[in-house]
Amino acid sequence: MKENQLLSCPFCGNTATMEQISRNGLRIKCRHCPAEMKQKTLRHNIEWLEDSMIKDWNTRQENNSIF
């Protein structure tokens, strides 16, 4: 697993981990808060899913609101 490529949790800033939850499924979970992401793949291999989930987890929404 490429856990060293995971950014910190977007909600609390703590460390996140990735684990395989089934033959074709993965979970990224924060070690501190309940934030997590689960996905499975049927058409692609687990390496593709791992890369895709890391990209999604590491994507941060810009907060451009004016107060």
N, C-alpha and C. Protein backbone atom coordinates (compact mmCIF):
# COMPACT_ATOMS: atom_id res chain seq x y z
N MET A 1 0.84 -1.18 0.00
CA MET A 1 0.00 0.00 0.00
C MET A 1 0.88 1.25 0.00
N LYS A 2 0.38 2.29 -0.62
CA LYS A 2 1.13 3.53 -0.76
C LYS A 2 0.68 4.56 0.29
N GLU A 3 0.65 4.17 1.55
CA GLU A 3 0.17 5.04 2.61
C GLU A 3 0.99 6.32 2.73
N ASN A 4 2.27 6.26 2.38
CA ASN A 4 3.10 7.45 2.51
C ASN A 4 2.68 8.54 1.53
N GLN A 5 1.84 8.24 0.56
CA GLN A 5 1.34 9.23 -0.38
C GLN A 5 0.04 9.87 0.08
N LEU A 6 -0.55 9.36 1.15
CA LEU A 6 -1.81 9.92 1.65
C LEU A 6 -1.55 11.22 2.39
N LEU A 7 -2.35 12.23 2.08
CA LEU A 7 -2.29 13.46 2.86
C LEU A 7 -3.03 13.22 4.18
N SER A 8 -2.85 14.13 5.10
CA SER A 8 -3.55 14.02 6.38
C SER A 8 -5.05 14.15 6.18
N CYS A 9 -5.81 13.84 7.19
CA CYS A 9 -7.26 13.90 7.14
C CYS A 9 -7.71 15.32 6.81
N PRO A 10 -8.63 15.49 5.87
CA PRO A 10 -9.09 16.83 5.51
C PRO A 10 -9.97 17.48 6.58
N PHE A 11 -10.41 16.70 7.55
CA PHE A 11 -11.30 17.23 8.59
C PHE A 11 -10.57 17.57 9.87
N CYS A 12 -9.68 16.68 10.32
CA CYS A 12 -9.01 16.92 11.61
C CYS A 12 -7.50 17.10 11.48
N GLY A 13 -6.93 16.75 10.34
CA GLY A 13 -5.50 16.94 10.12
C GLY A 13 -4.61 15.81 10.62
N ASN A 14 -5.19 14.73 11.14
CA ASN A 14 -4.39 13.61 11.63
C ASN A 14 -4.06 12.63 10.51
N THR A 15 -3.29 11.62 10.84
CA THR A 15 -2.81 10.63 9.88
C THR A 15 -3.93 9.72 9.40
N ALA A 16 -3.87 9.37 8.13
CA ALA A 16 -4.83 8.44 7.54
C ALA A 16 -4.11 7.15 7.15
N THR A 17 -4.84 6.04 7.15
CA THR A 17 -4.28 4.75 6.75
C THR A 17 -5.15 4.13 5.67
N MET A 18 -4.54 3.25 4.88
CA MET A 18 -5.27 2.51 3.86
C MET A 18 -5.14 1.03 4.17
N GLU A 19 -6.25 0.31 4.04
CA GLU A 19 -6.22 -1.13 4.26
C GLU A 19 -7.12 -1.82 3.26
N GLN A 20 -6.77 -3.04 2.94
CA GLN A 20 -7.59 -3.84 2.04
C GLN A 20 -8.69 -4.48 2.87
N ILE A 21 -9.96 -4.32 2.42
CA ILE A 21 -11.08 -4.83 3.19
C ILE A 21 -11.73 -6.06 2.55
N SER A 22 -11.36 -6.35 1.33
CA SER A 22 -11.84 -7.55 0.65
C SER A 22 -10.90 -7.81 -0.52
N ARG A 23 -11.20 -8.83 -1.28
CA ARG A 23 -10.34 -9.16 -2.43
C ARG A 23 -10.24 -8.00 -3.40
N ASN A 24 -11.32 -7.23 -3.52
CA ASN A 24 -11.35 -6.14 -4.50
C ASN A 24 -11.76 -4.81 -3.88
N GLY A 25 -11.55 -4.64 -2.58
CA GLY A 25 -11.98 -3.42 -1.91
C GLY A 25 -10.90 -2.84 -1.00
N LEU A 26 -10.93 -1.51 -0.87
CA LEU A 26 -9.99 -0.79 -0.01
C LEU A 26 -10.74 0.21 0.86
N ARG A 27 -10.09 0.60 1.96
CA ARG A 27 -10.64 1.63 2.83
C ARG A 27 -9.52 2.55 3.26
N ILE A 28 -9.77 3.86 3.17
CA ILE A 28 -8.89 4.87 3.75
C ILE A 28 -9.62 5.40 4.96
N LYS A 29 -8.93 5.43 6.10
CA LYS A 29 -9.57 5.81 7.35
C LYS A 29 -8.63 6.70 8.16
N CYS A 30 -9.22 7.75 8.73
CA CYS A 30 -8.48 8.61 9.64
C CYS A 30 -8.26 7.85 10.94
N ARG A 31 -7.10 8.03 11.56
CA ARG A 31 -6.81 7.34 12.82
C ARG A 31 -7.44 8.04 14.02
N HIS A 32 -7.97 9.26 13.82
CA HIS A 32 -8.48 10.03 14.94
C HIS A 32 -10.00 10.26 14.89
N CYS A 33 -10.50 10.69 13.75
CA CYS A 33 -11.94 11.00 13.63
C CYS A 33 -12.63 9.93 12.77
N PRO A 34 -13.94 9.97 12.63
CA PRO A 34 -14.65 8.93 11.88
C PRO A 34 -14.59 9.06 10.35
N ALA A 35 -13.78 9.96 9.82
CA ALA A 35 -13.70 10.13 8.36
C ALA A 35 -13.12 8.86 7.73
N GLU A 36 -13.80 8.36 6.71
CA GLU A 36 -13.31 7.21 5.97
C GLU A 36 -13.89 7.18 4.58
N MET A 37 -13.27 6.38 3.74
CA MET A 37 -13.67 6.25 2.35
C MET A 37 -13.49 4.78 1.98
N LYS A 38 -14.55 4.15 1.44
CA LYS A 38 -14.49 2.74 1.03
C LYS A 38 -14.87 2.65 -0.44
N GLN A 39 -14.18 1.80 -1.16
CA GLN A 39 -14.53 1.55 -2.55
C GLN A 39 -14.15 0.13 -2.92
N LYS A 40 -14.85 -0.39 -3.92
CA LYS A 40 -14.54 -1.69 -4.50
C LYS A 40 -14.42 -1.53 -6.00
N THR A 41 -13.72 -2.45 -6.62
CA THR A 41 -13.58 -2.43 -8.08
C THR A 41 -13.95 -3.80 -8.64
N LEU A 42 -14.62 -3.78 -9.75
CA LEU A 42 -14.95 -5.02 -10.44
C LEU A 42 -14.23 -5.13 -11.78
N ARG A 43 -14.03 -4.01 -12.43
CA ARG A 43 -13.41 -4.01 -13.76
C ARG A 43 -11.90 -3.82 -13.75
N HIS A 44 -11.39 -3.16 -12.73
CA HIS A 44 -9.96 -2.84 -12.69
C HIS A 44 -9.28 -3.62 -11.57
N ASN A 45 -7.95 -3.59 -11.59
CA ASN A 45 -7.21 -4.29 -10.53
C ASN A 45 -7.10 -3.41 -9.28
N ILE A 46 -6.63 -4.01 -8.21
CA ILE A 46 -6.56 -3.33 -6.92
C ILE A 46 -5.56 -2.17 -6.93
N GLU A 47 -4.51 -2.27 -7.75
CA GLU A 47 -3.55 -1.18 -7.86
C GLU A 47 -4.20 0.07 -8.47
N TRP A 48 -5.06 -0.14 -9.46
CA TRP A 48 -5.79 0.98 -10.05
C TRP A 48 -6.68 1.64 -9.00
N LEU A 49 -7.38 0.82 -8.23
CA LEU A 49 -8.26 1.34 -7.19
C LEU A 49 -7.46 2.11 -6.15
N GLU A 50 -6.31 1.59 -5.76
CA GLU A 50 -5.46 2.26 -4.78
C GLU A 50 -5.05 3.65 -5.28
N ASP A 51 -4.58 3.74 -6.51
CA ASP A 51 -4.19 5.03 -7.08
C ASP A 51 -5.37 5.99 -7.16
N SER A 52 -6.52 5.48 -7.57
CA SER A 52 -7.72 6.31 -7.69
C SER A 52 -8.18 6.85 -6.34
N MET A 53 -8.15 5.99 -5.32
CA MET A 53 -8.60 6.41 -3.99
C MET A 53 -7.63 7.42 -3.37
N ILE A 54 -6.33 7.21 -3.56
CA ILE A 54 -5.35 8.17 -3.04
C ILE A 54 -5.57 9.53 -3.68
N LYS A 55 -5.81 9.54 -4.99
CA LYS A 55 -6.06 10.80 -5.70
C LYS A 55 -7.31 11.49 -5.14
N ASP A 56 -8.38 10.72 -4.93
CA ASP A 56 -9.62 11.29 -4.39
C ASP A 56 -9.44 11.79 -2.96
N TRP A 57 -8.77 11.03 -2.12
CA TRP A 57 -8.56 11.42 -0.72
C TRP A 57 -7.72 12.69 -0.64
N ASN A 58 -6.70 12.79 -1.49
CA ASN A 58 -5.79 13.92 -1.45
C ASN A 58 -6.33 15.18 -2.10
N THR A 59 -7.47 15.09 -2.78
CA THR A 59 -8.07 16.27 -3.41
C THR A 59 -8.74 17.11 -2.34
N ARG A 60 -8.31 18.38 -2.26
CA ARG A 60 -8.85 19.30 -1.26
C ARG A 60 -9.66 20.39 -1.96
N GLN A 61 -10.81 20.67 -1.42
CA GLN A 61 -11.67 21.73 -1.95
C GLN A 61 -11.17 23.06 -1.42
N GLU A 62 -10.99 24.02 -2.31
CA GLU A 62 -10.60 25.36 -1.90
C GLU A 62 -11.78 26.06 -1.26
N ASN A 63 -11.56 26.72 -0.14
CA ASN A 63 -12.60 27.48 0.52
C ASN A 63 -12.39 28.95 0.19
N ASN A 64 -13.13 29.44 -0.80
CA ASN A 64 -12.97 30.81 -1.27
C ASN A 64 -14.11 31.70 -0.80
N SER A 65 -14.81 31.30 0.23
CA SER A 65 -15.94 32.10 0.68
C SER A 65 -15.44 33.36 1.40
N ILE A 66 -16.19 34.43 1.28
CA ILE A 66 -15.84 35.69 1.92
C ILE A 66 -16.80 35.91 3.07
N PHE A 67 -16.25 36.21 4.24
CA PHE A 67 -17.06 36.43 5.43
C PHE A 67 -17.17 37.89 5.73
